[in-house]
Structure formats: structure tokens, C-alpha cells
Full PDB file with SEQRES, HELIX, SHEET, SSBOND, CRYST1, ORIGX, SCALE, CONECT and MASTER records, all heavy atoms in Angstrom:
SEQRES   1 A   43  VAL LEU THR VAL VAL PHE LEU GLY VAL SER VAL GLY LYS          
SEQRES   2 A   43  LEU MET THR GLU SER GLU GLU GLN LYS CYS ALA TYR ASN          
SEQRES   3 A   43  ALA GLU TYR ASN CYS ASN ASN LYS ALA ARG VAL ASP ASP          
SEQRES   4 A   43  GLU LYS TYR PRO                                              
HELIX    1 AA1 LEU A    2  MET A   15  1                                  14    
HELIX    2 AA2 GLU A   17  GLU A   19  5                                   3    
CRYST1    1.000    1.000    1.000  90.00  90.00  90.00 P 1           1          
ORIGX1      1.000000  0.000000  0.000000        0.00000                         
ORIGX2      0.000000  1.000000  0.000000        0.00000                         
ORIGX3      0.000000  0.000000  1.000000        0.00000                         
SCALE1      1.000000  0.000000  0.000000        0.00000                         
SCALE2      0.000000  1.000000  0.000000        0.00000                         
SCALE3      0.000000  0.000000  1.000000        0.00000                         
ATOM      1  N   VAL A   1      84.391 128.536 112.509  1.00  0.00           N  
ATOM      2  CA  VAL A   1      83.840 128.095 111.197  1.00  0.00           C  
ATOM      3  C   VAL A   1      84.719 127.046 110.549  1.00  0.00           C  
ATOM      4  O   VAL A   1      84.237 126.009 110.071  1.00  0.00           O  
ATOM      5  CB  VAL A   1      83.682 129.318 110.274  1.00  0.00           C  
ATOM      6  CG1 VAL A   1      83.403 128.818 108.857  1.00  0.00           C  
ATOM      7  CG2 VAL A   1      82.594 130.201 110.767  1.00  0.00           C  
ATOM      8  N   LEU A   2      86.044 127.274 110.583  1.00  0.00           N  
ATOM      9  CA  LEU A   2      86.981 126.295 110.025  1.00  0.00           C  
ATOM     10  C   LEU A   2      86.895 124.949 110.738  1.00  0.00           C  
ATOM     11  O   LEU A   2      86.914 123.928 110.107  1.00  0.00           O  
ATOM     12  CB  LEU A   2      88.440 126.854 110.124  1.00  0.00           C  
ATOM     13  CG  LEU A   2      88.770 127.989 109.177  1.00  0.00           C  
ATOM     14  CD1 LEU A   2      90.191 128.542 109.497  1.00  0.00           C  
ATOM     15  CD2 LEU A   2      88.675 127.568 107.704  1.00  0.00           C  
ATOM     16  N   THR A   3      86.746 124.998 112.060  1.00  0.00           N  
ATOM     17  CA  THR A   3      86.628 123.754 112.829  1.00  0.00           C  
ATOM     18  C   THR A   3      85.406 122.979 112.445  1.00  0.00           C  
ATOM     19  O   THR A   3      85.432 121.726 112.276  1.00  0.00           O  
ATOM     20  CB  THR A   3      86.614 124.078 114.323  1.00  0.00           C  
ATOM     21  OG1 THR A   3      87.782 124.800 114.661  1.00  0.00           O  
ATOM     22  CG2 THR A   3      86.593 122.795 115.141  1.00  0.00           C  
ATOM     23  N   VAL A   4      84.265 123.696 112.262  1.00  0.00           N  
ATOM     24  CA  VAL A   4      83.017 123.057 111.858  1.00  0.00           C  
ATOM     25  C   VAL A   4      83.164 122.415 110.479  1.00  0.00           C  
ATOM     26  O   VAL A   4      82.673 121.341 110.214  1.00  0.00           O  
ATOM     27  CB  VAL A   4      81.855 124.063 111.916  1.00  0.00           C  
ATOM     28  CG1 VAL A   4      80.605 123.436 111.295  1.00  0.00           C  
ATOM     29  CG2 VAL A   4      81.599 124.455 113.334  1.00  0.00           C  
ATOM     30  N   VAL A   5      83.841 123.138 109.536  1.00  0.00           N  
ATOM     31  CA  VAL A   5      84.060 122.610 108.244  1.00  0.00           C  
ATOM     32  C   VAL A   5      84.884 121.315 108.275  1.00  0.00           C  
ATOM     33  O   VAL A   5      84.562 120.315 107.607  1.00  0.00           O  
ATOM     34  CB  VAL A   5      84.796 123.647 107.337  1.00  0.00           C  
ATOM     35  CG1 VAL A   5      85.234 123.011 105.993  1.00  0.00           C  
ATOM     36  CG2 VAL A   5      83.860 124.825 107.061  1.00  0.00           C  
ATOM     37  N   PHE A   6      85.966 121.338 109.069  1.00  0.00           N  
ATOM     38  CA  PHE A   6      86.792 120.127 109.226  1.00  0.00           C  
ATOM     39  C   PHE A   6      85.947 118.951 109.736  1.00  0.00           C  
ATOM     40  O   PHE A   6      86.064 117.838 109.232  1.00  0.00           O  
ATOM     41  CB  PHE A   6      87.948 120.359 110.234  1.00  0.00           C  
ATOM     42  CG  PHE A   6      88.886 121.453 109.764  1.00  0.00           C  
ATOM     43  CD1 PHE A   6      89.658 122.133 110.644  1.00  0.00           C  
ATOM     44  CD2 PHE A   6      89.068 121.749 108.438  1.00  0.00           C  
ATOM     45  CE1 PHE A   6      90.531 123.118 110.306  1.00  0.00           C  
ATOM     46  CE2 PHE A   6      89.910 122.774 108.004  1.00  0.00           C  
ATOM     47  CZ  PHE A   6      90.665 123.430 108.946  1.00  0.00           C  
ATOM     48  N   LEU A   7      85.085 119.249 110.722  1.00  0.00           N  
ATOM     49  CA  LEU A   7      84.267 118.203 111.289  1.00  0.00           C  
ATOM     50  C   LEU A   7      83.259 117.693 110.298  1.00  0.00           C  
ATOM     51  O   LEU A   7      82.986 116.464 110.201  1.00  0.00           O  
ATOM     52  CB  LEU A   7      83.531 118.732 112.558  1.00  0.00           C  
ATOM     53  CG  LEU A   7      82.597 117.751 113.207  1.00  0.00           C  
ATOM     54  CD1 LEU A   7      83.378 116.588 113.753  1.00  0.00           C  
ATOM     55  CD2 LEU A   7      81.897 118.439 114.438  1.00  0.00           C  
ATOM     56  N   GLY A   8      82.691 118.579 109.451  1.00  0.00           N  
ATOM     57  CA  GLY A   8      81.698 118.186 108.440  1.00  0.00           C  
ATOM     58  C   GLY A   8      82.337 117.217 107.433  1.00  0.00           C  
ATOM     59  O   GLY A   8      81.710 116.273 107.034  1.00  0.00           O  
ATOM     60  N   VAL A   9      83.568 117.559 107.032  1.00  0.00           N  
ATOM     61  CA  VAL A   9      84.305 116.671 106.083  1.00  0.00           C  
ATOM     62  C   VAL A   9      84.538 115.259 106.724  1.00  0.00           C  
ATOM     63  O   VAL A   9      84.294 114.251 106.068  1.00  0.00           O  
ATOM     64  CB  VAL A   9      85.623 117.312 105.656  1.00  0.00           C  
ATOM     65  CG1 VAL A   9      86.464 116.312 104.839  1.00  0.00           C  
ATOM     66  CG2 VAL A   9      85.388 118.609 104.862  1.00  0.00           C  
ATOM     67  N   SER A  10      84.926 115.284 107.984  1.00  0.00           N  
ATOM     68  CA  SER A  10      85.193 114.042 108.664  1.00  0.00           C  
ATOM     69  C   SER A  10      83.928 113.218 108.795  1.00  0.00           C  
ATOM     70  O   SER A  10      83.918 111.957 108.603  1.00  0.00           O  
ATOM     71  CB  SER A  10      85.776 114.319 110.040  1.00  0.00           C  
ATOM     72  OG  SER A  10      86.062 113.124 110.801  1.00  0.00           O  
ATOM     73  N   VAL A  11      82.825 113.850 109.136  1.00  0.00           N  
ATOM     74  CA  VAL A  11      81.527 113.121 109.276  1.00  0.00           C  
ATOM     75  C   VAL A  11      81.099 112.597 107.917  1.00  0.00           C  
ATOM     76  O   VAL A  11      80.632 111.402 107.798  1.00  0.00           O  
ATOM     77  CB  VAL A  11      80.421 114.040 109.794  1.00  0.00           C  
ATOM     78  CG1 VAL A  11      79.068 113.367 109.750  1.00  0.00           C  
ATOM     79  CG2 VAL A  11      80.736 114.444 111.275  1.00  0.00           C  
ATOM     80  N   GLY A  12      81.283 113.360 106.860  1.00  0.00           N  
ATOM     81  CA  GLY A  12      80.867 112.933 105.508  1.00  0.00           C  
ATOM     82  C   GLY A  12      81.635 111.676 105.102  1.00  0.00           C  
ATOM     83  O   GLY A  12      81.052 110.717 104.555  1.00  0.00           O  
ATOM     84  N   LYS A  13      82.924 111.613 105.343  1.00  0.00           N  
ATOM     85  CA  LYS A  13      83.726 110.450 105.003  1.00  0.00           C  
ATOM     86  C   LYS A  13      83.333 109.207 105.816  1.00  0.00           C  
ATOM     87  O   LYS A  13      83.301 108.097 105.352  1.00  0.00           O  
ATOM     88  CB  LYS A  13      85.229 110.716 105.207  1.00  0.00           C  
ATOM     89  CG  LYS A  13      85.785 111.752 104.159  1.00  0.00           C  
ATOM     90  CD  LYS A  13      87.245 111.954 104.336  1.00  0.00           C  
ATOM     91  CE  LYS A  13      87.808 112.879 103.281  1.00  0.00           C  
ATOM     92  NZ  LYS A  13      89.262 113.074 103.392  1.00  0.00           N  
ATOM     93  N   LEU A  14      83.013 109.507 107.094  1.00  0.00           N  
ATOM     94  CA  LEU A  14      82.593 108.410 107.940  1.00  0.00           C  
ATOM     95  C   LEU A  14      81.256 107.712 107.535  1.00  0.00           C  
ATOM     96  O   LEU A  14      81.108 106.519 107.623  1.00  0.00           O  
ATOM     97  CB  LEU A  14      82.414 108.888 109.431  1.00  0.00           C  
ATOM     98  CG  LEU A  14      82.078 107.870 110.487  1.00  0.00           C  
ATOM     99  CD1 LEU A  14      83.228 106.881 110.648  1.00  0.00           C  
ATOM    100  CD2 LEU A  14      81.743 108.522 111.815  1.00  0.00           C  
ATOM    101  N   MET A  15      80.369 108.532 107.050  1.00  0.00           N  
ATOM    102  CA  MET A  15      79.049 108.015 106.639  1.00  0.00           C  
ATOM    103  C   MET A  15      79.157 107.048 105.478  1.00  0.00           C  
ATOM    104  O   MET A  15      78.226 106.232 105.283  1.00  0.00           O  
ATOM    105  CB  MET A  15      78.120 109.197 106.266  1.00  0.00           C  
ATOM    106  CG  MET A  15      77.744 110.077 107.482  1.00  0.00           C  
ATOM    107  SD  MET A  15      76.867 109.147 108.759  1.00  0.00           S  
ATOM    108  CE  MET A  15      76.537 110.533 109.928  1.00  0.00           C  
ATOM    109  N   THR A  16      80.214 107.157 104.657  1.00  0.00           N  
ATOM    110  CA  THR A  16      80.344 106.215 103.548  1.00  0.00           C  
ATOM    111  C   THR A  16      81.387 105.105 103.834  1.00  0.00           C  
ATOM    112  O   THR A  16      81.684 104.302 102.946  1.00  0.00           O  
ATOM    113  CB  THR A  16      80.867 107.013 102.329  1.00  0.00           C  
ATOM    114  OG1 THR A  16      82.086 107.609 102.545  1.00  0.00           O  
ATOM    115  CG2 THR A  16      79.836 108.082 101.947  1.00  0.00           C  
ATOM    116  N   GLU A  17      81.812 105.043 105.057  1.00  0.00           N  
ATOM    117  CA  GLU A  17      82.879 104.082 105.391  1.00  0.00           C  
ATOM    118  C   GLU A  17      82.416 102.599 105.282  1.00  0.00           C  
ATOM    119  O   GLU A  17      83.225 101.738 104.904  1.00  0.00           O  
ATOM    120  CB  GLU A  17      83.372 104.306 106.800  1.00  0.00           C  
ATOM    121  CG  GLU A  17      84.642 103.451 107.190  1.00  0.00           C  
ATOM    122  CD  GLU A  17      85.228 103.924 108.456  1.00  0.00           C  
ATOM    123  OE1 GLU A  17      85.351 105.157 108.682  1.00  0.00           O  
ATOM    124  OE2 GLU A  17      85.651 103.089 109.269  1.00  0.00           O  
ATOM    125  N   SER A  18      81.125 102.350 105.564  1.00  0.00           N  
ATOM    126  CA  SER A  18      80.634 100.974 105.521  1.00  0.00           C  
ATOM    127  C   SER A  18      80.705 100.370 104.106  1.00  0.00           C  
ATOM    128  O   SER A  18      80.602  99.164 103.932  1.00  0.00           O  
ATOM    129  CB  SER A  18      79.234 100.895 106.032  1.00  0.00           C  
ATOM    130  OG  SER A  18      78.371 101.667 105.280  1.00  0.00           O  
ATOM    131  N   GLU A  19      80.818 101.260 103.080  1.00  0.00           N  
ATOM    132  CA  GLU A  19      80.899 100.796 101.718  1.00  0.00           C  
ATOM    133  C   GLU A  19      82.306 100.400 101.308  1.00  0.00           C  
ATOM    134  O   GLU A  19      82.449  99.903 100.213  1.00  0.00           O  
ATOM    135  CB  GLU A  19      80.366 101.914 100.809  1.00  0.00           C  
ATOM    136  CG  GLU A  19      78.923 102.367 101.113  1.00  0.00           C  
ATOM    137  CD  GLU A  19      78.525 103.577 100.340  1.00  0.00           C  
ATOM    138  OE1 GLU A  19      79.307 104.016  99.446  1.00  0.00           O  
ATOM    139  OE2 GLU A  19      77.421 104.112 100.522  1.00  0.00           O  
ATOM    140  N   GLU A  20      83.289 100.620 102.158  1.00  0.00           N  
ATOM    141  CA  GLU A  20      84.655 100.320 101.817  1.00  0.00           C  
ATOM    142  C   GLU A  20      84.919  98.818 101.857  1.00  0.00           C  
ATOM    143  O   GLU A  20      84.296  98.118 102.629  1.00  0.00           O  
ATOM    144  CB  GLU A  20      85.588 101.098 102.698  1.00  0.00           C  
ATOM    145  CG  GLU A  20      85.456 102.600 102.517  1.00  0.00           C  
ATOM    146  CD  GLU A  20      86.465 103.364 103.376  1.00  0.00           C  
ATOM    147  OE1 GLU A  20      87.261 102.705 104.072  1.00  0.00           O  
ATOM    148  OE2 GLU A  20      86.477 104.620 103.288  1.00  0.00           O  
ATOM    149  N   GLN A  21      85.896  98.376 101.115  1.00  0.00           N  
ATOM    150  CA  GLN A  21      86.248  97.019 101.005  1.00  0.00           C  
ATOM    151  C   GLN A  21      86.868  96.469 102.284  1.00  0.00           C  
ATOM    152  O   GLN A  21      87.660  97.148 102.935  1.00  0.00           O  
ATOM    153  CB  GLN A  21      87.195  96.772  99.877  1.00  0.00           C  
ATOM    154  CG  GLN A  21      87.546  95.336  99.592  1.00  0.00           C  
ATOM    155  CD  GLN A  21      88.428  95.174  98.357  1.00  0.00           C  
ATOM    156  OE1 GLN A  21      88.373  96.019  97.431  1.00  0.00           O  
ATOM    157  NE2 GLN A  21      89.286  94.162  98.331  1.00  0.00           N  
ATOM    158  N   LYS A  22      86.485  95.215 102.659  1.00  0.00           N  
ATOM    159  CA  LYS A  22      87.029  94.629 103.884  1.00  0.00           C  
ATOM    160  C   LYS A  22      88.227  93.736 103.561  1.00  0.00           C  
ATOM    161  O   LYS A  22      88.430  93.304 102.427  1.00  0.00           O  
ATOM    162  CB  LYS A  22      85.913  93.754 104.550  1.00  0.00           C  
ATOM    163  CG  LYS A  22      84.645  94.538 104.890  1.00  0.00           C  
ATOM    164  CD  LYS A  22      84.868  95.679 105.911  1.00  0.00           C  
ATOM    165  CE  LYS A  22      83.564  96.351 106.268  1.00  0.00           C  
ATOM    166  NZ  LYS A  22      83.710  97.424 107.250  1.00  0.00           N  
ATOM    167  N   CYS A  23      88.970  93.448 104.558  1.00  0.00           N  
ATOM    168  CA  CYS A  23      90.151  92.587 104.452  1.00  0.00           C  
ATOM    169  C   CYS A  23      89.753  91.153 103.962  1.00  0.00           C  
ATOM    170  O   CYS A  23      88.731  90.628 104.368  1.00  0.00           O  
ATOM    171  CB  CYS A  23      90.857  92.482 105.819  1.00  0.00           C  
ATOM    172  SG  CYS A  23      92.282  91.362 105.865  1.00  0.00           S  
ATOM    173  N   ALA A  24      90.632  90.552 103.145  1.00  0.00           N  
ATOM    174  CA  ALA A  24      90.352  89.228 102.545  1.00  0.00           C  
ATOM    175  C   ALA A  24      90.694  88.087 103.464  1.00  0.00           C  
ATOM    176  O   ALA A  24      90.366  86.927 103.148  1.00  0.00           O  
ATOM    177  CB  ALA A  24      91.128  89.082 101.227  1.00  0.00           C  
ATOM    178  N   TYR A  25      91.320  88.344 104.633  1.00  0.00           N  
ATOM    179  CA  TYR A  25      91.707  87.293 105.536  1.00  0.00           C  
ATOM    180  C   TYR A  25      90.528  86.574 106.119  1.00  0.00           C  
ATOM    181  O   TYR A  25      89.558  87.205 106.580  1.00  0.00           O  
ATOM    182  CB  TYR A  25      92.567  87.915 106.656  1.00  0.00           C  
ATOM    183  CG  TYR A  25      93.085  86.895 107.644  1.00  0.00           C  
ATOM    184  CD1 TYR A  25      94.293  86.263 107.409  1.00  0.00           C  
ATOM    185  CD2 TYR A  25      92.401  86.640 108.814  1.00  0.00           C  
ATOM    186  CE1 TYR A  25      94.801  85.381 108.352  1.00  0.00           C  
ATOM    187  CE2 TYR A  25      92.885  85.761 109.787  1.00  0.00           C  
ATOM    188  CZ  TYR A  25      94.060  85.124 109.508  1.00  0.00           C  
ATOM    189  OH  TYR A  25      94.576  84.236 110.448  1.00  0.00           O  
ATOM    190  N   ASN A  26      90.577  85.235 106.139  1.00  0.00           N  
ATOM    191  CA  ASN A  26      89.462  84.423 106.686  1.00  0.00           C  
ATOM    192  C   ASN A  26      89.879  83.155 107.333  1.00  0.00           C  
ATOM    193  O   ASN A  26      89.170  82.183 107.366  1.00  0.00           O  
ATOM    194  CB  ASN A  26      88.411  84.177 105.618  1.00  0.00           C  
ATOM    195  CG  ASN A  26      89.019  83.298 104.489  1.00  0.00           C  
ATOM    196  OD1 ASN A  26      90.125  82.968 104.467  1.00  0.00           O  
ATOM    197  ND2 ASN A  26      88.122  82.979 103.550  1.00  0.00           N  
ATOM    198  N   ALA A  27      91.109  83.111 107.860  1.00  0.00           N  
ATOM    199  CA  ALA A  27      91.625  81.858 108.478  1.00  0.00           C  
ATOM    200  C   ALA A  27      91.098  81.606 109.859  1.00  0.00           C  
ATOM    201  O   ALA A  27      90.363  80.659 110.133  1.00  0.00           O  
ATOM    202  CB  ALA A  27      93.152  81.883 108.476  1.00  0.00           C  
ATOM    203  N   GLU A  28      91.434  82.491 110.777  1.00  0.00           N  
ATOM    204  CA  GLU A  28      90.900  82.367 112.199  1.00  0.00           C  
ATOM    205  C   GLU A  28      89.525  82.899 112.315  1.00  0.00           C  
ATOM    206  O   GLU A  28      88.753  82.506 113.215  1.00  0.00           O  
ATOM    207  CB  GLU A  28      91.862  83.086 113.160  1.00  0.00           C  
ATOM    208  CG  GLU A  28      93.205  82.462 113.248  1.00  0.00           C  
ATOM    209  CD  GLU A  28      94.141  83.356 114.076  1.00  0.00           C  
ATOM    210  OE1 GLU A  28      94.569  84.409 113.582  1.00  0.00           O  
ATOM    211  OE2 GLU A  28      94.399  82.996 115.238  1.00  0.00           O  
ATOM    212  N   TYR A  29      89.209  83.900 111.514  1.00  0.00           N  
ATOM    213  CA  TYR A  29      87.925  84.553 111.524  1.00  0.00           C  
ATOM    214  C   TYR A  29      87.757  85.296 110.223  1.00  0.00           C  
ATOM    215  O   TYR A  29      88.743  85.451 109.443  1.00  0.00           O  
ATOM    216  CB  TYR A  29      87.859  85.564 112.744  1.00  0.00           C  
ATOM    217  CG  TYR A  29      89.044  86.458 112.863  1.00  0.00           C  
ATOM    218  CD1 TYR A  29      89.295  87.517 111.989  1.00  0.00           C  
ATOM    219  CD2 TYR A  29      90.046  86.216 113.785  1.00  0.00           C  
ATOM    220  CE1 TYR A  29      90.410  88.357 112.053  1.00  0.00           C  
ATOM    221  CE2 TYR A  29      91.199  86.986 113.907  1.00  0.00           C  
ATOM    222  CZ  TYR A  29      91.330  88.065 113.021  1.00  0.00           C  
ATOM    223  OH  TYR A  29      92.467  88.830 113.140  1.00  0.00           O  
ATOM    224  N   ASN A  30      86.589  85.743 109.935  1.00  0.00           N  
ATOM    225  CA  ASN A  30      86.356  86.584 108.752  1.00  0.00           C  
ATOM    226  C   ASN A  30      86.644  88.018 109.109  1.00  0.00           C  
ATOM    227  O   ASN A  30      85.905  88.650 109.831  1.00  0.00           O  
ATOM    228  CB  ASN A  30      84.914  86.511 108.267  1.00  0.00           C  
ATOM    229  CG  ASN A  30      84.610  85.082 107.699  1.00  0.00           C  
ATOM    230  OD1 ASN A  30      85.442  84.516 107.037  1.00  0.00           O  
ATOM    231  ND2 ASN A  30      83.405  84.604 108.030  1.00  0.00           N  
ATOM    232  N   CYS A  31      87.801  88.522 108.644  1.00  0.00           N  
ATOM    233  CA  CYS A  31      88.305  89.818 109.070  1.00  0.00           C  
ATOM    234  C   CYS A  31      87.424  90.965 108.516  1.00  0.00           C  
ATOM    235  O   CYS A  31      87.264  91.085 107.330  1.00  0.00           O  
ATOM    236  CB  CYS A  31      89.780  90.023 108.650  1.00  0.00           C  
ATOM    237  SG  CYS A  31      90.456  91.578 109.256  1.00  0.00           S  
ATOM    238  N   ASN A  32      86.905  91.732 109.464  1.00  0.00           N  
ATOM    239  CA  ASN A  32      86.067  92.885 109.066  1.00  0.00           C  
ATOM    240  C   ASN A  32      86.911  94.161 109.052  1.00  0.00           C  
ATOM    241  O   ASN A  32      86.283  95.272 108.961  1.00  0.00           O  
ATOM    242  CB  ASN A  32      84.902  93.026 110.032  1.00  0.00           C  
ATOM    243  CG  ASN A  32      83.870  91.937 109.797  1.00  0.00           C  
ATOM    244  OD1 ASN A  32      83.400  91.694 108.679  1.00  0.00           O  
ATOM    245  ND2 ASN A  32      83.491  91.297 110.848  1.00  0.00           N  
ATOM    246  N   ASN A  33      88.222  94.094 109.143  1.00  0.00           N  
ATOM    247  CA  ASN A  33      89.085  95.266 109.078  1.00  0.00           C  
ATOM    248  C   ASN A  33      88.978  95.910 107.704  1.00  0.00           C  
ATOM    249  O   ASN A  33      88.707  95.243 106.713  1.00  0.00           O  
ATOM    250  CB  ASN A  33      90.503  94.960 109.397  1.00  0.00           C  
ATOM    251  CG  ASN A  33      90.796  94.897 110.878  1.00  0.00           C  
ATOM    252  OD1 ASN A  33      89.911  95.143 111.718  1.00  0.00           O  
ATOM    253  ND2 ASN A  33      92.005  94.584 111.223  1.00  0.00           N  
ATOM    254  N   LYS A  34      89.238  97.150 107.658  1.00  0.00           N  
ATOM    255  CA  LYS A  34      89.272  97.948 106.361  1.00  0.00           C  
ATOM    256  C   LYS A  34      90.516  97.492 105.544  1.00  0.00           C  
ATOM    257  O   LYS A  34      91.633  97.489 106.064  1.00  0.00           O  
ATOM    258  CB  LYS A  34      89.303  99.442 106.661  1.00  0.00           C  
ATOM    259  CG  LYS A  34      89.178 100.291 105.429  1.00  0.00           C  
ATOM    260  CD  LYS A  34      89.467 101.761 105.795  1.00  0.00           C  
ATOM    261  CE  LYS A  34      88.620 102.219 106.893  1.00  0.00           C  
ATOM    262  NZ  LYS A  34      88.876 103.675 107.223  1.00  0.00           N  
ATOM    263  N   ALA A  35      90.247  97.035 104.358  1.00  0.00           N  
ATOM    264  CA  ALA A  35      91.388  96.621 103.486  1.00  0.00           C  
ATOM    265  C   ALA A  35      92.114  97.865 102.906  1.00  0.00           C  
ATOM    266  O   ALA A  35      91.476  98.945 102.696  1.00  0.00           O  
ATOM    267  CB  ALA A  35      90.829  95.824 102.290  1.00  0.00           C  
ATOM    268  N   ARG A  36      93.395  97.706 102.744  1.00  0.00           N  
ATOM    269  CA  ARG A  36      94.187  98.790 102.095  1.00  0.00           C  
ATOM    270  C   ARG A  36      94.113  98.634 100.562  1.00  0.00           C  
ATOM    271  O   ARG A  36      94.762  97.774 100.014  1.00  0.00           O  
ATOM    272  CB  ARG A  36      95.633  98.718 102.544  1.00  0.00           C  
ATOM    273  CG  ARG A  36      95.760  98.635 104.084  1.00  0.00           C  
ATOM    274  CD  ARG A  36      95.230  99.907 104.799  1.00  0.00           C  
ATOM    275  NE  ARG A  36      95.926 101.080 104.419  1.00  0.00           N  
ATOM    276  CZ  ARG A  36      95.706 102.296 105.018  1.00  0.00           C  
ATOM    277  NH1 ARG A  36      94.744 102.375 105.898  1.00  0.00           N  
ATOM    278  NH2 ARG A  36      96.399 103.334 104.666  1.00  0.00           N  
ATOM    279  N   VAL A  37      93.291  99.397  99.940  1.00  0.00           N  
ATOM    280  CA  VAL A  37      93.028  99.294  98.475  1.00  0.00           C  
ATOM    281  C   VAL A  37      93.789 100.405  97.817  1.00  0.00           C  
ATOM    282  O   VAL A  37      93.801 101.549  98.221  1.00  0.00           O  
ATOM    283  CB  VAL A  37      91.534  99.404  98.193  1.00  0.00           C  
ATOM    284  CG1 VAL A  37      91.285  99.265  96.687  1.00  0.00           C  
ATOM    285  CG2 VAL A  37      90.768  98.303  98.962  1.00  0.00           C  
ATOM    286  N   ASP A  38      94.490 100.043  96.692  1.00  0.00           N  
ATOM    287  CA  ASP A  38      95.268 100.995  95.902  1.00  0.00           C  
ATOM    288  C   ASP A  38      96.260 101.712  96.781  1.00  0.00           C  
ATOM    289  O   ASP A  38      96.488 102.962  96.646  1.00  0.00           O  
ATOM    290  CB  ASP A  38      94.360 102.004  95.211  1.00  0.00           C  
ATOM    291  CG  ASP A  38      93.395 101.320  94.177  1.00  0.00           C  
ATOM    292  OD1 ASP A  38      93.835 100.313  93.607  1.00  0.00           O  
ATOM    293  OD2 ASP A  38      92.262 101.794  94.041  1.00  0.00           O  
ATOM    294  N   ASP A  39      96.881 100.983  97.686  1.00  0.00           N  
ATOM    295  CA  ASP A  39      97.856 101.603  98.633  1.00  0.00           C  
ATOM    296  C   ASP A  39      99.251 101.005  98.277  1.00  0.00           C  
ATOM    297  O   ASP A  39      99.480  99.803  98.380  1.00  0.00           O  
ATOM    298  CB  ASP A  39      97.471 101.201 100.049  1.00  0.00           C  
ATOM    299  CG  ASP A  39      98.298 101.976 101.100  1.00  0.00           C  
ATOM    300  OD1 ASP A  39      99.495 102.355 100.792  1.00  0.00           O  
ATOM    301  OD2 ASP A  39      97.785 102.204 102.201  1.00  0.00           O  
ATOM    302  N   GLU A  40     100.175 101.862  97.825  1.00  0.00           N  
ATOM    303  CA  GLU A  40     101.496 101.449  97.424  1.00  0.00           C  
ATOM    304  C   GLU A  40     102.231 100.788  98.573  1.00  0.00           C  
ATOM    305  O   GLU A  40     103.053  99.941  98.348  1.00  0.00           O  
ATOM    306  CB  GLU A  40     102.287 102.630  96.900  1.00  0.00           C  
ATOM    307  CG  GLU A  40     101.723 103.225  95.585  1.00  0.00           C  
ATOM    308  CD  GLU A  40     102.583 104.360  95.032  1.00  0.00           C  
ATOM    309  OE1 GLU A  40     103.565 104.696  95.664  1.00  0.00           O  
ATOM    310  OE2 GLU A  40     102.188 104.865  93.993  1.00  0.00           O  
ATOM    311  N   LYS A  41     101.975 101.254  99.775  1.00  0.00           N  
ATOM    312  CA  LYS A  41     102.662 100.684 100.939  1.00  0.00           C  
ATOM    313  C   LYS A  41     102.151  99.270 101.282  1.00  0.00           C  
ATOM    314  O   LYS A  41     102.879  98.450 101.812  1.00  0.00           O  
ATOM    315  CB  LYS A  41     102.469 101.596 102.157  1.00  0.00           C  
ATOM    316  CG  LYS A  41     103.306 101.220 103.368  1.00  0.00           C  
ATOM    317  CD  LYS A  41     103.130 102.230 104.450  1.00  0.00           C  
ATOM    318  CE  LYS A  41     103.999 101.791 105.683  1.00  0.00           C  
ATOM    319  NZ  LYS A  41     103.824 102.748 106.824  1.00  0.00           N  
ATOM    320  N   TYR A  42     100.893  99.012 100.932  1.00  0.00           N  
ATOM    321  CA  TYR A  42     100.305  97.681 101.255  1.00  0.00           C  
ATOM    322  C   TYR A  42      99.648  97.175  99.907  1.00  0.00           C  
ATOM    323  O   TYR A  42      98.423  97.112  99.795  1.00  0.00           O  
ATOM    324  CB  TYR A  42      99.228  97.788 102.319  1.00  0.00           C  
ATOM    325  CG  TYR A  42      99.757  98.369 103.659  1.00  0.00           C  
ATOM    326  CD1 TYR A  42      99.579  99.711 103.931  1.00  0.00           C  
ATOM    327  CD2 TYR A  42     100.401  97.530 104.547  1.00  0.00           C  
ATOM    328  CE1 TYR A  42     100.096 100.200 105.099  1.00  0.00           C  
ATOM    329  CE2 TYR A  42     100.872  98.050 105.726  1.00  0.00           C  
ATOM    330  CZ  TYR A  42     100.738  99.385 106.019  1.00  0.00           C  
ATOM    331  OH  TYR A  42     101.230  99.929 107.234  1.00  0.00           O  
ATOM    332  N   PRO A  43     100.464  96.749  98.969  1.00  0.00           N  
ATOM    333  CA  PRO A  43      99.949  96.268  97.682  1.00  0.00           C  
ATOM    334  C   PRO A  43      99.198  94.938  97.827  1.00  0.00           C  
ATOM    335  O   PRO A  43      99.406  94.237  98.817  1.00  0.00           O  
ATOM    336  CB  PRO A  43     101.169  96.072  96.822  1.00  0.00           C  
ATOM    337  CG  PRO A  43     102.265  95.844  97.802  1.00  0.00           C  
ATOM    338  CD  PRO A  43     101.971  96.665  99.005  1.00  0.00           C  
TER     339      PRO A  43                                                      
MASTER        0    0    0    2    0    0    0    6  338    1    0    4          
END                                                                             
């Protein structure tokens, strides 16, 4: 049951991932990587 719950949480977060902000880099290509938003390590 715990394993299924963990998987459900993971699937739920994945389903909304396309709404996350993309990287602003666009020199060699338009970067589609996930941007680090509100991340103290990557301001």
C-alpha cells in the first residue's frame, strides 16, 4: 500500500510537469530543460 501511495504521488507530480517553466537559454538552441525556479542553489 505504501509503495502504491509513493507511486501515486510521483505520477501526480509528473502529470503537471509540462506546466513548469523552461530554461531561458536560447543561443545554440531553445533550451527545453526544466528551469530551476526559486532555487537558492541556482538563483
